């Protein structure tokens, strides 16, 4: 049964919407290990609303919408990365906070959780200006730690040359491209996700 870790080249690029689409496609449970920011709808609530997929409880819920190390420090806490245990449920979609190099504490990064859990990683990349640099740096960091990169999922309007450049230089699979949806709900997301990503894009991943 399949499990993926979804990360991004930056925050706010649409990886939660992608995670909702992926959870719906796989019939998977969703898990956000660390939620930073509680004032607005949480990522778990968003995924449940958009996919109908059940969300497992977050391991940590932090009020401040900031990098997890800063959010934890604001509450006088420190995140112990080694104490975060991957759920056994499968299929499973795990969504990280922010990007690959987001700090959890003064020593550990989100990347360390990817190394610790050894799940295949899907990198979500926007198609806007600057994405080539951000994407290739993220791929470089993942490969340096021997993390299995399943592929890149692009989010935004079509940029064929940009997408092809990242796939070619980054030596990574182009999984598909999810457009920005002006009317975002469960039905429009499912239709767009099905159109953007062929069934074989996520087939054959290890648990």
N, C-alpha and C. Protein backbone atom coordinates (compact mmCIF):
# COMPACT_ATOMS: atom_id res chain seq x y z
N UNK A 1 0.85 -1.20 0.00
CA UNK A 1 0.00 0.00 0.00
C UNK A 1 0.88 1.24 0.00
N UNK A 2 0.43 2.28 -0.68
CA UNK A 2 1.26 3.43 -1.01
C UNK A 2 1.30 4.48 0.09
N UNK A 3 2.46 5.14 0.21
CA UNK A 3 2.60 6.31 1.07
C UNK A 3 3.54 7.30 0.40
N UNK A 4 3.21 8.58 0.45
CA UNK A 4 4.04 9.63 -0.12
C UNK A 4 4.23 10.75 0.90
N UNK A 5 5.38 11.42 0.79
CA UNK A 5 5.63 12.64 1.54
C UNK A 5 5.59 13.78 0.52
N UNK A 6 4.70 14.74 0.76
CA UNK A 6 4.55 15.88 -0.14
C UNK A 6 5.25 17.09 0.46
N UNK A 7 6.19 17.65 -0.31
CA UNK A 7 6.87 18.86 0.12
C UNK A 7 6.78 19.88 -1.00
N UNK A 8 7.33 21.06 -0.77
CA UNK A 8 7.26 22.11 -1.78
C UNK A 8 8.54 22.89 -1.89
N UNK A 9 8.62 23.70 -2.93
CA UNK A 9 9.78 24.57 -3.11
C UNK A 9 9.65 25.83 -2.26
N UNK A 10 8.47 26.06 -1.72
CA UNK A 10 8.21 27.27 -0.95
C UNK A 10 6.90 27.07 -0.21
N UNK A 11 6.52 28.01 0.61
CA UNK A 11 5.23 27.95 1.28
C UNK A 11 4.18 28.68 0.45
N UNK A 12 2.93 28.28 0.59
CA UNK A 12 1.85 28.97 -0.09
C UNK A 12 1.79 28.74 -1.58
N UNK A 13 2.34 27.62 -2.07
CA UNK A 13 2.36 27.38 -3.51
C UNK A 13 1.25 26.43 -3.96
N UNK A 14 0.52 25.85 -3.02
CA UNK A 14 -0.58 24.98 -3.39
C UNK A 14 -0.37 23.51 -3.08
N UNK A 15 0.60 23.21 -2.23
CA UNK A 15 0.85 21.78 -1.96
C UNK A 15 -0.25 21.14 -1.11
N UNK A 16 -0.97 21.94 -0.33
CA UNK A 16 -2.09 21.38 0.43
C UNK A 16 -3.23 20.99 -0.52
N UNK A 17 -3.49 21.82 -1.51
CA UNK A 17 -4.51 21.49 -2.51
C UNK A 17 -4.08 20.25 -3.29
N UNK A 18 -2.79 20.19 -3.67
CA UNK A 18 -2.29 18.99 -4.34
C UNK A 18 -2.45 17.77 -3.43
N UNK A 19 -2.12 17.91 -2.16
CA UNK A 19 -2.23 16.79 -1.22
C UNK A 19 -3.67 16.31 -1.11
N UNK A 20 -4.62 17.25 -1.15
CA UNK A 20 -6.04 16.88 -1.13
C UNK A 20 -6.41 16.08 -2.37
N UNK A 21 -5.93 16.53 -3.52
CA UNK A 21 -6.20 15.80 -4.75
C UNK A 21 -5.58 14.42 -4.74
N UNK A 22 -4.36 14.33 -4.21
CA UNK A 22 -3.67 13.04 -4.16
C UNK A 22 -4.36 12.09 -3.19
N UNK A 23 -4.75 12.60 -2.01
CA UNK A 23 -5.45 11.76 -1.04
C UNK A 23 -6.76 11.23 -1.62
N UNK A 24 -7.47 12.11 -2.35
CA UNK A 24 -8.70 11.67 -2.98
C UNK A 24 -8.46 10.62 -4.05
N UNK A 25 -7.41 10.82 -4.84
CA UNK A 25 -7.08 9.86 -5.90
C UNK A 25 -6.74 8.49 -5.32
N UNK A 26 -5.95 8.48 -4.25
CA UNK A 26 -5.48 7.22 -3.67
C UNK A 26 -6.45 6.61 -2.67
N UNK A 27 -7.48 7.37 -2.27
CA UNK A 27 -8.32 6.91 -1.18
C UNK A 27 -7.52 6.81 0.10
N UNK A 28 -6.61 7.77 0.29
CA UNK A 28 -5.64 7.71 1.37
C UNK A 28 -6.06 8.55 2.56
N UNK A 29 -5.50 8.22 3.71
CA UNK A 29 -5.59 9.10 4.86
C UNK A 29 -4.50 10.16 4.74
N UNK A 30 -4.75 11.30 5.34
CA UNK A 30 -3.85 12.44 5.26
C UNK A 30 -3.30 12.74 6.64
N UNK A 31 -2.01 13.12 6.67
CA UNK A 31 -1.39 13.47 7.95
C UNK A 31 -0.49 14.66 7.78
N UNK A 32 -0.72 15.67 8.60
CA UNK A 32 0.13 16.85 8.69
C UNK A 32 0.86 16.75 10.02
N UNK A 33 2.13 16.37 10.06
CA UNK A 33 2.81 16.17 11.35
C UNK A 33 2.82 17.42 12.22
N UNK A 34 3.10 18.58 11.57
CA UNK A 34 3.22 19.82 12.33
C UNK A 34 2.36 20.89 11.67
N UNK A 35 1.39 21.40 12.40
CA UNK A 35 0.55 22.48 11.90
C UNK A 35 0.96 23.77 12.59
N UNK A 36 1.48 24.72 11.80
CA UNK A 36 1.85 26.04 12.34
C UNK A 36 0.82 27.05 11.86
N UNK A 37 0.04 27.56 12.77
CA UNK A 37 -1.02 28.50 12.44
C UNK A 37 -2.38 27.87 12.64
N UNK A 38 -3.16 28.43 13.58
CA UNK A 38 -4.45 27.84 13.93
C UNK A 38 -5.62 28.81 13.77
N UNK A 39 -5.35 30.05 13.37
CA UNK A 39 -6.43 31.03 13.28
C UNK A 39 -7.36 30.72 12.12
N UNK A 40 -6.81 30.37 10.97
CA UNK A 40 -7.62 30.07 9.79
C UNK A 40 -7.83 28.56 9.68
N UNK A 41 -8.45 28.13 8.61
CA UNK A 41 -8.67 26.70 8.38
C UNK A 41 -7.33 25.98 8.33
N UNK A 42 -7.17 24.92 9.08
CA UNK A 42 -5.92 24.18 9.07
C UNK A 42 -5.79 23.38 7.79
N UNK A 43 -4.59 22.92 7.49
CA UNK A 43 -4.37 22.11 6.30
C UNK A 43 -5.17 20.81 6.36
N UNK A 44 -5.24 20.21 7.55
CA UNK A 44 -6.02 18.97 7.70
C UNK A 44 -7.49 19.21 7.37
N UNK A 45 -8.03 20.33 7.84
CA UNK A 45 -9.42 20.65 7.56
C UNK A 45 -9.63 20.93 6.08
N UNK A 46 -8.67 21.60 5.47
CA UNK A 46 -8.77 21.89 4.03
C UNK A 46 -8.78 20.60 3.22
N UNK A 47 -7.87 19.70 3.54
CA UNK A 47 -7.79 18.43 2.80
C UNK A 47 -9.07 17.62 2.98
N UNK A 48 -9.58 17.57 4.18
CA UNK A 48 -10.83 16.83 4.42
C UNK A 48 -11.98 17.44 3.63
N UNK A 49 -12.05 18.76 3.60
CA UNK A 49 -13.12 19.44 2.87
C UNK A 49 -13.02 19.21 1.37
N UNK A 50 -11.80 19.21 0.84
CA UNK A 50 -11.63 19.12 -0.61
C UNK A 50 -11.57 17.68 -1.13
N UNK A 51 -11.30 16.73 -0.26
CA UNK A 51 -11.12 15.36 -0.75
C UNK A 51 -12.09 14.37 -0.12
N UNK A 52 -12.62 14.71 1.06
CA UNK A 52 -13.41 13.73 1.80
C UNK A 52 -12.54 12.70 2.49
N UNK A 53 -11.22 12.81 2.32
CA UNK A 53 -10.29 11.86 2.94
C UNK A 53 -10.16 12.17 4.43
N UNK A 54 -10.21 11.15 5.28
CA UNK A 54 -10.05 11.41 6.71
C UNK A 54 -8.63 11.87 7.03
N UNK A 55 -8.53 12.81 7.94
CA UNK A 55 -7.22 13.31 8.35
C UNK A 55 -6.87 12.77 9.73
N UNK A 56 -5.68 12.26 9.87
CA UNK A 56 -5.19 11.83 11.17
C UNK A 56 -4.83 13.06 12.00
N UNK A 57 -4.90 12.98 13.32
CA UNK A 57 -4.57 14.13 14.15
C UNK A 57 -3.11 14.56 13.98
N UNK A 58 -2.89 15.85 13.93
CA UNK A 58 -1.53 16.36 13.85
C UNK A 58 -0.74 15.97 15.11
N UNK A 59 0.54 15.74 14.95
CA UNK A 59 1.38 15.46 16.12
C UNK A 59 1.59 16.72 16.95
N UNK A 60 1.73 17.86 16.26
CA UNK A 60 1.94 19.13 16.94
C UNK A 60 1.05 20.19 16.31
N UNK A 61 0.37 20.95 17.14
CA UNK A 61 -0.45 22.08 16.69
C UNK A 61 0.09 23.35 17.34
N UNK A 62 0.61 24.26 16.53
CA UNK A 62 1.26 25.47 17.02
C UNK A 62 0.48 26.68 16.51
N UNK A 63 0.25 27.64 17.37
CA UNK A 63 -0.66 28.74 17.06
C UNK A 63 -0.10 29.71 16.03
N UNK A 64 1.19 30.03 16.11
CA UNK A 64 1.77 31.07 15.27
C UNK A 64 2.01 30.56 13.85
N UNK A 65 1.52 31.28 12.82
CA UNK A 65 1.77 30.87 11.44
C UNK A 65 3.18 31.29 11.00
N UNK A 66 4.13 30.44 11.30
CA UNK A 66 5.53 30.73 11.02
C UNK A 66 6.28 29.42 10.86
N UNK A 67 7.58 29.51 10.63
CA UNK A 67 8.41 28.32 10.59
C UNK A 67 8.24 27.55 11.90
N UNK A 68 8.17 26.20 11.85
CA UNK A 68 7.88 25.44 13.07
C UNK A 68 8.80 25.75 14.24
N UNK A 69 10.08 26.00 13.99
CA UNK A 69 10.99 26.31 15.10
C UNK A 69 10.59 27.62 15.78
N UNK A 70 10.16 28.59 14.99
CA UNK A 70 9.74 29.89 15.54
C UNK A 70 8.39 29.76 16.23
N UNK A 71 7.47 29.01 15.63
CA UNK A 71 6.16 28.81 16.25
C UNK A 71 6.28 28.11 17.59
N UNK A 72 7.14 27.09 17.64
CA UNK A 72 7.34 26.36 18.90
C UNK A 72 7.98 27.26 19.95
N UNK A 73 8.98 28.03 19.55
CA UNK A 73 9.67 28.90 20.50
C UNK A 73 8.72 29.94 21.08
N UNK A 74 7.75 30.39 20.28
CA UNK A 74 6.79 31.38 20.77
C UNK A 74 5.93 30.83 21.90
N UNK A 75 5.85 29.50 21.97
CA UNK A 75 5.08 28.85 23.04
C UNK A 75 5.99 28.24 24.10
N UNK A 76 7.27 28.57 24.04
CA UNK A 76 8.22 28.04 25.01
C UNK A 76 8.48 26.55 24.83
N UNK A 77 8.31 26.08 23.61
CA UNK A 77 8.49 24.65 23.32
C UNK A 77 9.64 24.45 22.34
N UNK A 78 10.09 23.21 22.27
CA UNK A 78 11.09 22.83 21.28
C UNK A 78 10.67 21.51 20.66
N UNK A 79 10.71 21.44 19.35
CA UNK A 79 10.28 20.24 18.64
C UNK A 79 11.37 19.18 18.68
N UNK A 80 11.00 17.99 19.11
CA UNK A 80 11.91 16.84 19.10
C UNK A 80 11.57 16.01 17.86
N UNK A 81 12.39 16.16 16.82
CA UNK A 81 12.10 15.49 15.55
C UNK A 81 12.09 13.97 15.69
N UNK A 82 12.96 13.45 16.54
CA UNK A 82 13.07 12.00 16.70
C UNK A 82 11.83 11.40 17.35
N UNK A 83 11.03 12.25 18.04
CA UNK A 83 9.82 11.76 18.72
C UNK A 83 8.61 11.71 17.79
N UNK A 84 8.74 12.25 16.58
CA UNK A 84 7.64 12.22 15.62
C UNK A 84 7.62 10.87 14.92
N UNK A 85 6.54 10.13 15.12
CA UNK A 85 6.45 8.74 14.63
C UNK A 85 5.49 8.68 13.45
N UNK A 86 5.94 8.09 12.37
CA UNK A 86 5.13 7.96 11.16
C UNK A 86 3.96 7.01 11.42
N UNK A 87 2.74 7.41 11.09
CA UNK A 87 1.59 6.50 11.26
C UNK A 87 1.74 5.25 10.41
N UNK A 88 1.08 4.18 10.85
CA UNK A 88 1.15 2.91 10.13
C UNK A 88 0.08 2.81 9.07
N UNK A 89 -0.91 3.70 9.07
CA UNK A 89 -2.01 3.63 8.11
C UNK A 89 -1.50 3.74 6.67
N UNK A 90 -2.09 2.94 5.79
CA UNK A 90 -1.79 2.99 4.36
C UNK A 90 -3.08 2.76 3.58
N UNK A 91 -3.25 3.42 2.44
CA UNK A 91 -2.39 4.44 1.86
C UNK A 91 -2.39 5.72 2.69
N UNK A 92 -1.32 6.49 2.55
CA UNK A 92 -1.10 7.65 3.41
C UNK A 92 -0.44 8.77 2.61
N UNK A 93 -0.92 9.99 2.82
CA UNK A 93 -0.29 11.18 2.25
C UNK A 93 0.17 12.05 3.42
N UNK A 94 1.46 12.26 3.50
CA UNK A 94 2.05 13.10 4.55
C UNK A 94 2.45 14.43 3.93
N UNK A 95 2.04 15.51 4.53
CA UNK A 95 2.42 16.83 4.02
C UNK A 95 3.31 17.55 5.01
N UNK A 96 4.47 17.95 4.54
CA UNK A 96 5.39 18.70 5.39
C UNK A 96 4.96 20.16 5.52
N UNK A 97 5.64 20.88 6.40
CA UNK A 97 5.40 22.31 6.58
C UNK A 97 6.41 23.08 5.74
N UNK A 98 5.91 23.96 4.89
CA UNK A 98 6.82 24.75 4.07
C UNK A 98 7.62 23.90 3.11
N UNK A 99 8.90 24.19 2.98
CA UNK A 99 9.77 23.51 2.03
C UNK A 99 10.73 22.54 2.68
N UNK A 100 11.67 22.08 1.88
CA UNK A 100 12.61 21.03 2.29
C UNK A 100 13.48 21.46 3.46
N UNK A 101 13.92 22.70 3.44
CA UNK A 101 14.91 23.16 4.42
C UNK A 101 14.30 23.94 5.59
N UNK A 102 13.03 23.83 5.79
CA UNK A 102 12.37 24.53 6.91
C UNK A 102 12.86 23.96 8.24
N UNK A 103 13.31 24.79 9.17
CA UNK A 103 13.81 24.29 10.45
C UNK A 103 12.70 23.80 11.38
N UNK A 104 13.00 22.70 12.08
CA UNK A 104 12.13 22.22 13.14
C UNK A 104 12.62 22.70 14.50
N UNK A 105 13.93 22.80 14.63
CA UNK A 105 14.58 23.33 15.82
C UNK A 105 15.93 23.88 15.37
N UNK A 106 16.85 24.12 16.29
CA UNK A 106 18.13 24.72 15.92
C UNK A 106 19.03 23.78 15.13
N UNK A 107 18.69 22.50 15.08
CA UNK A 107 19.54 21.53 14.38
C UNK A 107 18.81 20.75 13.30
N UNK A 108 17.57 20.40 13.52
CA UNK A 108 16.85 19.52 12.60
C UNK A 108 16.00 20.32 11.61
N UNK A 109 15.92 19.79 10.38
CA UNK A 109 15.13 20.40 9.32
C UNK A 109 14.00 19.46 8.91
N UNK A 110 13.04 19.98 8.15
CA UNK A 110 12.00 19.13 7.60
C UNK A 110 12.62 17.99 6.79
N UNK A 111 13.74 18.27 6.15
CA UNK A 111 14.47 17.25 5.39
C UNK A 111 14.85 16.06 6.26
N UNK A 112 15.14 16.30 7.52
CA UNK A 112 15.53 15.20 8.41
C UNK A 112 14.37 14.24 8.65
N UNK A 113 13.13 14.75 8.63
CA UNK A 113 11.98 13.85 8.75
C UNK A 113 11.85 12.98 7.50
N UNK A 114 12.13 13.55 6.35
CA UNK A 114 12.08 12.76 5.11
C UNK A 114 13.11 11.65 5.13
N UNK A 115 14.29 11.96 5.63
CA UNK A 115 15.34 10.94 5.76
C UNK A 115 14.92 9.89 6.78
N UNK A 116 14.35 10.33 7.89
CA UNK A 116 13.95 9.45 8.99
C UNK A 116 12.86 8.47 8.56
N UNK A 117 11.91 8.94 7.75
CA UNK A 117 10.75 8.12 7.41
C UNK A 117 10.90 7.36 6.10
N UNK A 118 11.82 7.80 5.24
CA UNK A 118 12.17 7.05 4.02
C UNK A 118 10.97 6.82 3.10
N UNK A 119 10.07 7.79 3.02
CA UNK A 119 8.97 7.72 2.07
C UNK A 119 9.40 8.38 0.76
N UNK A 120 8.86 7.93 -0.37
CA UNK A 120 9.12 8.64 -1.62
C UNK A 120 8.53 10.04 -1.55
N UNK A 121 9.28 11.01 -2.02
CA UNK A 121 8.91 12.41 -1.89
C UNK A 121 8.41 12.96 -3.22
N UNK A 122 7.29 13.66 -3.17
CA UNK A 122 6.79 14.42 -4.31
C UNK A 122 7.06 15.89 -4.03
N UNK A 123 7.79 16.54 -4.95
CA UNK A 123 8.11 17.95 -4.80
C UNK A 123 7.10 18.77 -5.60
N UNK A 124 6.34 19.61 -4.91
CA UNK A 124 5.42 20.53 -5.58
C UNK A 124 6.17 21.81 -5.91
N UNK A 125 6.06 22.24 -7.17
CA UNK A 125 6.77 23.43 -7.64
C UNK A 125 5.80 24.33 -8.38
N UNK A 126 5.81 25.59 -8.07
CA UNK A 126 5.00 26.54 -8.83
C UNK A 126 5.62 26.73 -10.21
N UNK A 127 4.86 27.26 -11.14
CA UNK A 127 5.39 27.51 -12.48
C UNK A 127 5.81 28.96 -12.67
N UNK A 128 5.70 29.78 -11.65
CA UNK A 128 6.00 31.21 -11.76
C UNK A 128 7.50 31.46 -11.82
N UNK A 129 7.86 32.69 -12.14
CA UNK A 129 9.25 33.10 -12.25
C UNK A 129 10.02 32.77 -10.96
N UNK A 130 11.20 32.20 -11.10
CA UNK A 130 12.04 31.83 -9.97
C UNK A 130 11.97 30.37 -9.61
N UNK A 131 11.04 29.65 -10.22
CA UNK A 131 10.83 28.25 -9.83
C UNK A 131 11.97 27.33 -10.25
N UNK A 132 12.68 27.67 -11.32
CA UNK A 132 13.78 26.79 -11.75
C UNK A 132 14.83 26.73 -10.65
N UNK A 133 15.25 27.88 -10.15
CA UNK A 133 16.25 27.92 -9.09
C UNK A 133 15.76 27.20 -7.83
N UNK A 134 14.54 27.54 -7.39
CA UNK A 134 14.00 26.93 -6.16
C UNK A 134 13.86 25.41 -6.31
N UNK A 135 13.40 24.98 -7.46
CA UNK A 135 13.17 23.54 -7.67
C UNK A 135 14.48 22.77 -7.71
N UNK A 136 15.46 23.28 -8.46
CA UNK A 136 16.73 22.57 -8.58
C UNK A 136 17.48 22.54 -7.25
N UNK A 137 17.39 23.61 -6.48
CA UNK A 137 18.03 23.61 -5.16
C UNK A 137 17.36 22.60 -4.23
N UNK A 138 16.04 22.53 -4.28
CA UNK A 138 15.31 21.55 -3.46
C UNK A 138 15.68 20.13 -3.85
N UNK A 139 15.75 19.86 -5.14
CA UNK A 139 16.12 18.52 -5.61
C UNK A 139 17.55 18.19 -5.20
N UNK A 140 18.43 19.17 -5.27
CA UNK A 140 19.82 18.95 -4.87
C UNK A 140 19.91 18.58 -3.39
N UNK A 141 19.14 19.27 -2.55
CA UNK A 141 19.16 18.97 -1.12
C UNK A 141 18.62 17.57 -0.85
N UNK A 142 17.54 17.20 -1.52
CA UNK A 142 16.95 15.87 -1.33
C UNK A 142 17.92 14.77 -1.77
N UNK A 143 18.54 14.95 -2.91
CA UNK A 143 19.45 13.93 -3.42
C UNK A 143 20.72 13.82 -2.57
N UNK A 144 21.15 14.94 -2.00
CA UNK A 144 22.35 14.91 -1.16
C UNK A 144 22.15 14.05 0.08
N UNK A 145 20.89 13.92 0.53
CA UNK A 145 20.59 13.10 1.69
C UNK A 145 20.01 11.73 1.29
N UNK A 146 20.11 11.40 -0.01
CA UNK A 146 19.67 10.11 -0.53
C UNK A 146 18.18 9.85 -0.30
N UNK A 147 17.40 10.91 -0.42
CA UNK A 147 15.95 10.78 -0.34
C UNK A 147 15.42 10.39 -1.72
N UNK A 148 14.51 9.44 -1.78
CA UNK A 148 13.91 9.03 -3.04
C UNK A 148 12.92 10.09 -3.50
N UNK A 149 13.20 10.67 -4.66
CA UNK A 149 12.30 11.67 -5.24
C UNK A 149 11.40 10.99 -6.26
N UNK A 150 10.10 10.95 -5.97
CA UNK A 150 9.17 10.28 -6.87
C UNK A 150 8.93 11.10 -8.13
N UNK A 151 8.93 12.41 -8.00
CA UNK A 151 8.73 13.28 -9.15
C UNK A 151 8.34 14.67 -8.71
N UNK A 152 8.19 15.55 -9.72
CA UNK A 152 7.77 16.93 -9.47
C UNK A 152 6.35 17.12 -9.98
N UNK A 153 5.50 17.71 -9.14
CA UNK A 153 4.14 18.10 -9.52
C UNK A 153 4.11 19.62 -9.62
N UNK A 154 3.85 20.12 -10.81
CA UNK A 154 3.81 21.56 -11.02
C UNK A 154 2.43 22.10 -10.71
N UNK A 155 2.40 23.35 -10.23
CA UNK A 155 1.15 24.00 -9.86
C UNK A 155 1.15 25.41 -10.44
N UNK A 156 0.14 25.70 -11.25
CA UNK A 156 0.04 27.02 -11.86
C UNK A 156 -0.24 26.94 -13.34
N UNK A 157 -0.18 28.08 -14.04
CA UNK A 157 -0.42 28.09 -15.48
C UNK A 157 0.70 27.37 -16.22
N UNK A 158 0.43 26.90 -17.44
CA UNK A 158 1.45 26.14 -18.16
C UNK A 158 2.67 26.97 -18.52
N UNK A 159 3.84 26.38 -18.27
CA UNK A 159 5.13 26.96 -18.66
C UNK A 159 5.99 25.80 -19.18
N UNK A 160 5.70 25.33 -20.39
CA UNK A 160 6.35 24.10 -20.89
C UNK A 160 7.87 24.12 -20.85
N UNK A 161 8.49 25.23 -21.23
CA UNK A 161 9.94 25.28 -21.24
C UNK A 161 10.52 25.24 -19.83
N UNK A 162 9.86 25.95 -18.91
CA UNK A 162 10.31 25.94 -17.51
C UNK A 162 10.17 24.54 -16.92
N UNK A 163 9.03 23.92 -17.14
CA UNK A 163 8.78 22.58 -16.61
C UNK A 163 9.78 21.58 -17.18
N UNK A 164 10.01 21.66 -18.49
CA UNK A 164 10.96 20.74 -19.13
C UNK A 164 12.37 20.96 -18.64
N UNK A 165 12.74 22.21 -18.38
CA UNK A 165 14.10 22.51 -17.88
C UNK A 165 14.32 21.87 -16.52
N UNK A 166 13.34 22.01 -15.64
CA UNK A 166 13.47 21.43 -14.30
C UNK A 166 13.55 19.91 -14.37
N UNK A 167 12.70 19.30 -15.18
CA UNK A 167 12.70 17.85 -15.30
C UNK A 167 14.01 17.34 -15.89
N UNK A 168 14.53 18.07 -16.89
CA UNK A 168 15.75 17.62 -17.56
C UNK A 168 16.99 17.81 -16.67
N UNK A 169 17.20 19.02 -16.18
CA UNK A 169 18.40 19.29 -15.38
C UNK A 169 18.31 18.60 -14.03
N UNK A 170 17.11 18.56 -13.46
CA UNK A 170 16.93 17.91 -12.17
C UNK A 170 16.85 16.41 -12.25
N UNK A 171 16.82 15.86 -13.48
CA UNK A 171 16.74 14.41 -13.70
C UNK A 171 15.61 13.80 -12.86
N UNK A 172 14.41 14.35 -13.07
CA UNK A 172 13.27 13.97 -12.25
C UNK A 172 12.04 13.82 -13.14
N UNK A 173 11.12 12.98 -12.73
CA UNK A 173 9.88 12.79 -13.49
C UNK A 173 8.96 14.00 -13.37
N UNK A 174 8.40 14.40 -14.50
CA UNK A 174 7.36 15.41 -14.54
C UNK A 174 6.04 14.67 -14.37
N UNK A 175 5.44 14.76 -13.19
CA UNK A 175 4.24 14.00 -12.89
C UNK A 175 2.99 14.59 -13.53
N UNK A 176 2.97 15.90 -13.72
CA UNK A 176 1.82 16.58 -14.26
C UNK A 176 1.77 18.00 -13.73
N UNK A 177 0.75 18.74 -14.15
CA UNK A 177 0.61 20.14 -13.71
C UNK A 177 -0.83 20.41 -13.33
N UNK A 178 -1.02 20.85 -12.09
CA UNK A 178 -2.35 21.20 -11.58
C UNK A 178 -2.56 22.70 -11.76
N UNK A 179 -3.57 23.10 -12.53
CA UNK A 179 -3.81 24.54 -12.71
C UNK A 179 -4.38 25.18 -11.45
N UNK A 180 -4.26 26.49 -11.37
CA UNK A 180 -4.91 27.22 -10.29
C UNK A 180 -6.41 27.26 -10.58
N UNK A 181 -7.21 26.93 -9.59
CA UNK A 181 -8.64 26.79 -9.79
C UNK A 181 -9.37 27.97 -9.15
N UNK A 182 -10.00 28.85 -9.96
CA UNK A 182 -10.71 30.00 -9.38
C UNK A 182 -11.91 29.59 -8.54
N UNK A 183 -12.54 28.48 -8.91
CA UNK A 183 -13.66 27.94 -8.13
C UNK A 183 -13.23 26.60 -7.57
N UNK A 184 -12.64 26.64 -6.39
CA UNK A 184 -12.04 25.45 -5.80
C UNK A 184 -13.01 24.77 -4.85
N UNK A 185 -13.41 23.56 -5.19
CA UNK A 185 -14.18 22.73 -4.28
C UNK A 185 -13.84 21.28 -4.59
N UNK A 186 -14.48 20.36 -3.91
CA UNK A 186 -14.13 18.95 -4.06
C UNK A 186 -14.32 18.48 -5.50
N UNK A 187 -15.40 18.92 -6.14
CA UNK A 187 -15.69 18.46 -7.50
C UNK A 187 -14.71 19.02 -8.52
N UNK A 188 -14.42 20.34 -8.44
CA UNK A 188 -13.50 20.93 -9.41
C UNK A 188 -12.09 20.41 -9.21
N UNK A 189 -11.70 20.17 -7.95
CA UNK A 189 -10.36 19.64 -7.71
C UNK A 189 -10.23 18.23 -8.26
N UNK A 190 -11.20 17.39 -8.02
CA UNK A 190 -11.13 16.02 -8.53
C UNK A 190 -11.02 16.00 -10.05
N UNK A 191 -11.84 16.83 -10.72
CA UNK A 191 -11.81 16.88 -12.18
C UNK A 191 -10.47 17.38 -12.69
N UNK A 192 -9.94 18.43 -12.06
CA UNK A 192 -8.66 18.99 -12.49
C UNK A 192 -7.51 18.03 -12.21
N UNK A 193 -7.56 17.37 -11.07
CA UNK A 193 -6.50 16.43 -10.71
C UNK A 193 -6.49 15.25 -11.67
N UNK A 194 -7.66 14.74 -11.99
CA UNK A 194 -7.74 13.61 -12.91
C UNK A 194 -7.23 13.98 -14.29
N UNK A 195 -7.50 15.22 -14.71
CA UNK A 195 -7.03 15.68 -16.01
C UNK A 195 -5.52 15.94 -16.02
N UNK A 196 -4.98 16.34 -14.87
CA UNK A 196 -3.57 16.73 -14.79
C UNK A 196 -2.61 15.56 -14.61
N UNK A 197 -3.05 14.54 -13.88
CA UNK A 197 -2.14 13.46 -13.49
C UNK A 197 -2.71 12.11 -13.95
N UNK A 198 -2.01 11.42 -14.84
CA UNK A 198 -2.49 10.11 -15.30
C UNK A 198 -2.42 9.09 -14.17
N UNK A 199 -3.20 8.02 -14.23
CA UNK A 199 -3.22 7.02 -13.16
C UNK A 199 -1.84 6.46 -12.84
N UNK A 200 -1.00 6.31 -13.86
CA UNK A 200 0.32 5.70 -13.64
C UNK A 200 1.29 6.63 -12.91
N UNK A 201 0.94 7.92 -12.75
CA UNK A 201 1.85 8.88 -12.11
C UNK A 201 2.20 8.47 -10.69
N UNK A 202 1.28 7.81 -10.00
CA UNK A 202 1.50 7.47 -8.59
C UNK A 202 1.44 5.97 -8.35
N UNK A 203 1.48 5.20 -9.41
CA UNK A 203 1.39 3.73 -9.27
C UNK A 203 2.76 3.14 -8.99
N UNK A 204 2.75 2.11 -8.13
CA UNK A 204 3.96 1.36 -7.88
C UNK A 204 4.86 1.88 -6.79
N UNK A 205 4.39 2.88 -6.04
CA UNK A 205 5.22 3.41 -4.96
C UNK A 205 5.24 2.44 -3.79
N UNK A 206 6.39 2.33 -3.10
CA UNK A 206 6.44 1.44 -1.92
C UNK A 206 5.73 2.06 -0.75
N UNK A 207 5.38 1.22 0.24
CA UNK A 207 4.78 1.73 1.47
C UNK A 207 5.85 2.32 2.35
